[in-house]
Amino acid sequence: MSDKSRGAYWSANLRIISISLVIWALVSFGFAIILRPLLSGIPVGGTDLGFWFAQQGSILTFIVLIFYYTSYMNKLDKEFDVEE
């Protein structure tokens, strides 16, 4: 793998990690804590949406991000010919 292609690979890797961390922080910290008063009027399963994000939404979002990251990295590995 050349230095240019190695740099492009790691740039794409760091970009997807950064995007995933921003989404995770927005859902777990933003929706569950900061925006909780705004989401309190929206009912979900017998409770408000802010509480749901604090209890379930952040965990489910994290699991979805894990599966998306693995599928994206498998595609990226094939693109740069570094697959296992």
N, C-alpha and C. Protein backbone atom coordinates (compact mmCIF):
# COMPACT_ATOMS: atom_id res chain seq x y z
N MET A 1 0.84 -1.16 0.00
CA MET A 1 0.00 0.00 0.00
C MET A 1 0.89 1.24 0.00
N SER A 2 0.66 2.15 -0.92
CA SER A 2 1.47 3.35 -1.02
C SER A 2 1.11 4.34 0.09
N ASP A 3 1.99 5.32 0.29
CA ASP A 3 1.76 6.31 1.34
C ASP A 3 0.50 7.12 1.05
N LYS A 4 0.25 7.42 -0.21
CA LYS A 4 -0.93 8.20 -0.58
C LYS A 4 -2.21 7.41 -0.29
N SER A 5 -2.21 6.15 -0.65
CA SER A 5 -3.39 5.33 -0.40
C SER A 5 -3.55 5.03 1.08
N ARG A 6 -2.45 4.90 1.81
CA ARG A 6 -2.52 4.70 3.26
C ARG A 6 -3.13 5.93 3.92
N GLY A 7 -2.73 7.10 3.48
CA GLY A 7 -3.28 8.34 4.02
C GLY A 7 -4.76 8.48 3.72
N ALA A 8 -5.19 8.10 2.52
CA ALA A 8 -6.61 8.17 2.16
C ALA A 8 -7.42 7.19 2.98
N TYR A 9 -6.86 6.01 3.22
CA TYR A 9 -7.54 4.99 4.03
C TYR A 9 -7.76 5.50 5.44
N TRP A 10 -6.71 6.03 6.07
CA TRP A 10 -6.84 6.50 7.45
C TRP A 10 -7.68 7.76 7.54
N SER A 11 -7.65 8.58 6.52
CA SER A 11 -8.52 9.75 6.50
C SER A 11 -9.99 9.34 6.49
N ALA A 12 -10.33 8.35 5.66
CA ALA A 12 -11.71 7.85 5.62
C ALA A 12 -12.07 7.19 6.94
N ASN A 13 -11.14 6.46 7.52
CA ASN A 13 -11.38 5.80 8.81
C ASN A 13 -11.64 6.83 9.91
N LEU A 14 -10.80 7.85 10.00
CA LEU A 14 -10.98 8.87 11.02
C LEU A 14 -12.26 9.67 10.80
N ARG A 15 -12.64 9.88 9.55
CA ARG A 15 -13.88 10.60 9.25
C ARG A 15 -15.09 9.83 9.77
N ILE A 16 -15.16 8.52 9.52
CA ILE A 16 -16.31 7.74 9.98
C ILE A 16 -16.32 7.61 11.51
N ILE A 17 -15.15 7.54 12.12
CA ILE A 17 -15.09 7.52 13.58
C ILE A 17 -15.60 8.83 14.15
N SER A 18 -15.19 9.96 13.57
CA SER A 18 -15.63 11.26 14.04
C SER A 18 -17.13 11.44 13.90
N ILE A 19 -17.67 11.05 12.75
CA ILE A 19 -19.11 11.16 12.53
C ILE A 19 -19.87 10.28 13.53
N SER A 20 -19.38 9.07 13.76
CA SER A 20 -20.04 8.17 14.71
C SER A 20 -20.01 8.73 16.12
N LEU A 21 -18.89 9.31 16.53
CA LEU A 21 -18.80 9.88 17.87
C LEU A 21 -19.72 11.09 18.04
N VAL A 22 -19.85 11.90 17.00
CA VAL A 22 -20.74 13.06 17.07
C VAL A 22 -22.19 12.59 17.20
N ILE A 23 -22.59 11.60 16.41
CA ILE A 23 -23.95 11.06 16.49
C ILE A 23 -24.20 10.48 17.88
N TRP A 24 -23.26 9.70 18.37
CA TRP A 24 -23.41 9.07 19.68
C TRP A 24 -23.52 10.13 20.78
N ALA A 25 -22.69 11.17 20.74
CA ALA A 25 -22.74 12.23 21.75
C ALA A 25 -24.05 13.02 21.65
N LEU A 26 -24.50 13.28 20.44
CA LEU A 26 -25.74 14.02 20.26
C LEU A 26 -26.93 13.25 20.85
N VAL A 27 -26.96 11.95 20.58
CA VAL A 27 -28.09 11.15 21.07
C VAL A 27 -28.00 10.94 22.58
N SER A 28 -26.83 10.53 23.08
CA SER A 28 -26.74 10.18 24.50
C SER A 28 -26.68 11.40 25.41
N PHE A 29 -25.98 12.43 25.00
CA PHE A 29 -25.86 13.61 25.85
C PHE A 29 -26.87 14.68 25.46
N GLY A 30 -27.00 14.93 24.17
CA GLY A 30 -27.88 15.99 23.70
C GLY A 30 -29.35 15.71 23.92
N PHE A 31 -29.83 14.59 23.38
CA PHE A 31 -31.26 14.28 23.48
C PHE A 31 -31.65 13.87 24.90
N ALA A 32 -30.81 13.13 25.58
CA ALA A 32 -31.17 12.60 26.89
C ALA A 32 -31.00 13.61 28.01
N ILE A 33 -30.11 14.57 27.87
CA ILE A 33 -29.86 15.51 28.96
C ILE A 33 -30.22 16.95 28.58
N ILE A 34 -29.59 17.47 27.54
CA ILE A 34 -29.76 18.88 27.20
C ILE A 34 -31.15 19.17 26.63
N LEU A 35 -31.61 18.35 25.70
CA LEU A 35 -32.90 18.58 25.06
C LEU A 35 -34.06 17.86 25.74
N ARG A 36 -33.84 17.28 26.89
CA ARG A 36 -34.90 16.55 27.59
C ARG A 36 -36.14 17.39 27.85
N PRO A 37 -36.02 18.64 28.31
CA PRO A 37 -37.24 19.43 28.53
C PRO A 37 -38.05 19.66 27.24
N LEU A 38 -37.37 19.79 26.12
CA LEU A 38 -38.08 19.98 24.85
C LEU A 38 -38.77 18.70 24.38
N LEU A 39 -38.22 17.56 24.74
CA LEU A 39 -38.76 16.27 24.30
C LEU A 39 -39.77 15.69 25.30
N SER A 40 -40.01 16.37 26.40
CA SER A 40 -40.87 15.80 27.44
C SER A 40 -42.33 15.71 27.02
N GLY A 41 -42.77 16.46 26.05
CA GLY A 41 -44.16 16.42 25.62
C GLY A 41 -44.48 15.34 24.62
N ILE A 42 -43.48 14.62 24.14
CA ILE A 42 -43.69 13.60 23.12
C ILE A 42 -43.73 12.23 23.81
N PRO A 43 -44.90 11.59 23.85
CA PRO A 43 -45.00 10.30 24.55
C PRO A 43 -44.46 9.13 23.70
N VAL A 44 -43.72 8.26 24.36
CA VAL A 44 -43.19 7.04 23.73
C VAL A 44 -43.29 5.92 24.76
N GLY A 45 -44.12 4.94 24.49
CA GLY A 45 -44.22 3.77 25.36
C GLY A 45 -44.58 4.07 26.81
N GLY A 46 -45.41 5.06 27.05
CA GLY A 46 -45.82 5.38 28.41
C GLY A 46 -44.92 6.37 29.12
N THR A 47 -43.91 6.85 28.48
CA THR A 47 -43.01 7.84 29.08
C THR A 47 -42.68 8.90 28.02
N ASP A 48 -41.90 9.89 28.40
CA ASP A 48 -41.57 10.92 27.42
C ASP A 48 -40.33 10.53 26.60
N LEU A 49 -40.16 11.20 25.47
CA LEU A 49 -39.08 10.86 24.53
C LEU A 49 -37.70 11.09 25.13
N GLY A 50 -37.53 12.14 25.93
CA GLY A 50 -36.23 12.41 26.56
C GLY A 50 -35.80 11.29 27.49
N PHE A 51 -36.74 10.79 28.29
CA PHE A 51 -36.44 9.66 29.17
C PHE A 51 -36.13 8.40 28.37
N TRP A 52 -36.88 8.20 27.27
CA TRP A 52 -36.64 7.03 26.42
C TRP A 52 -35.24 7.07 25.85
N PHE A 53 -34.79 8.25 25.37
CA PHE A 53 -33.42 8.35 24.84
C PHE A 53 -32.40 8.07 25.94
N ALA A 54 -32.66 8.52 27.15
CA ALA A 54 -31.71 8.29 28.24
C ALA A 54 -31.63 6.81 28.59
N GLN A 55 -32.75 6.10 28.53
CA GLN A 55 -32.78 4.70 28.95
C GLN A 55 -32.52 3.71 27.82
N GLN A 56 -33.10 3.93 26.66
CA GLN A 56 -33.03 2.95 25.58
C GLN A 56 -32.40 3.50 24.29
N GLY A 57 -32.76 4.71 23.94
CA GLY A 57 -32.36 5.27 22.65
C GLY A 57 -30.86 5.37 22.46
N SER A 58 -30.15 5.79 23.49
CA SER A 58 -28.70 5.92 23.34
C SER A 58 -28.03 4.56 23.18
N ILE A 59 -28.54 3.55 23.87
CA ILE A 59 -27.98 2.20 23.75
C ILE A 59 -28.26 1.63 22.37
N LEU A 60 -29.50 1.77 21.90
CA LEU A 60 -29.85 1.26 20.57
C LEU A 60 -29.09 1.99 19.47
N THR A 61 -28.93 3.29 19.63
CA THR A 61 -28.15 4.06 18.66
C THR A 61 -26.70 3.59 18.63
N PHE A 62 -26.13 3.33 19.79
CA PHE A 62 -24.75 2.86 19.87
C PHE A 62 -24.60 1.51 19.17
N ILE A 63 -25.55 0.61 19.36
CA ILE A 63 -25.50 -0.70 18.69
C ILE A 63 -25.61 -0.55 17.18
N VAL A 64 -26.51 0.32 16.72
CA VAL A 64 -26.64 0.57 15.27
C VAL A 64 -25.34 1.15 14.72
N LEU A 65 -24.72 2.06 15.45
CA LEU A 65 -23.45 2.64 15.00
C LEU A 65 -22.35 1.59 14.90
N ILE A 66 -22.32 0.65 15.82
CA ILE A 66 -21.32 -0.42 15.77
C ILE A 66 -21.48 -1.24 14.49
N PHE A 67 -22.72 -1.64 14.19
CA PHE A 67 -22.95 -2.44 12.98
C PHE A 67 -22.67 -1.64 11.71
N TYR A 68 -23.03 -0.35 11.71
CA TYR A 68 -22.74 0.48 10.54
C TYR A 68 -21.23 0.64 10.36
N TYR A 69 -20.51 0.88 11.45
CA TYR A 69 -19.07 1.04 11.37
C TYR A 69 -18.39 -0.22 10.82
N THR A 70 -18.80 -1.39 11.28
CA THR A 70 -18.19 -2.62 10.79
C THR A 70 -18.48 -2.84 9.31
N SER A 71 -19.71 -2.56 8.88
CA SER A 71 -20.01 -2.74 7.45
C SER A 71 -19.27 -1.72 6.60
N TYR A 72 -19.17 -0.49 7.09
CA TYR A 72 -18.44 0.55 6.35
C TYR A 72 -16.96 0.20 6.26
N MET A 73 -16.38 -0.26 7.37
CA MET A 73 -14.96 -0.60 7.35
C MET A 73 -14.68 -1.82 6.48
N ASN A 74 -15.58 -2.79 6.42
CA ASN A 74 -15.40 -3.92 5.51
C ASN A 74 -15.39 -3.45 4.06
N LYS A 75 -16.30 -2.52 3.74
CA LYS A 75 -16.33 -1.96 2.38
C LYS A 75 -15.06 -1.17 2.10
N LEU A 76 -14.61 -0.40 3.07
CA LEU A 76 -13.39 0.41 2.90
C LEU A 76 -12.17 -0.50 2.76
N ASP A 77 -12.11 -1.58 3.52
CA ASP A 77 -11.00 -2.52 3.41
C ASP A 77 -10.94 -3.14 2.01
N LYS A 78 -12.09 -3.49 1.47
CA LYS A 78 -12.12 -4.05 0.11
C LYS A 78 -11.71 -3.02 -0.92
N GLU A 79 -12.13 -1.78 -0.72
CA GLU A 79 -11.79 -0.70 -1.66
C GLU A 79 -10.29 -0.46 -1.69
N PHE A 80 -9.63 -0.51 -0.54
CA PHE A 80 -8.19 -0.26 -0.47
C PHE A 80 -7.37 -1.55 -0.48
N ASP A 81 -8.03 -2.68 -0.69
CA ASP A 81 -7.37 -3.97 -0.79
C ASP A 81 -6.55 -4.32 0.45
N VAL A 82 -7.15 -4.11 1.60
CA VAL A 82 -6.50 -4.49 2.86
C VAL A 82 -7.40 -5.41 3.68
N GLU A 83 -8.31 -6.09 3.01
CA GLU A 83 -9.22 -6.97 3.73
C GLU A 83 -8.51 -8.21 4.24
N GLU A 84 -9.08 -8.81 5.25
CA GLU A 84 -8.46 -9.97 5.86
C GLU A 84 -8.60 -11.20 5.02
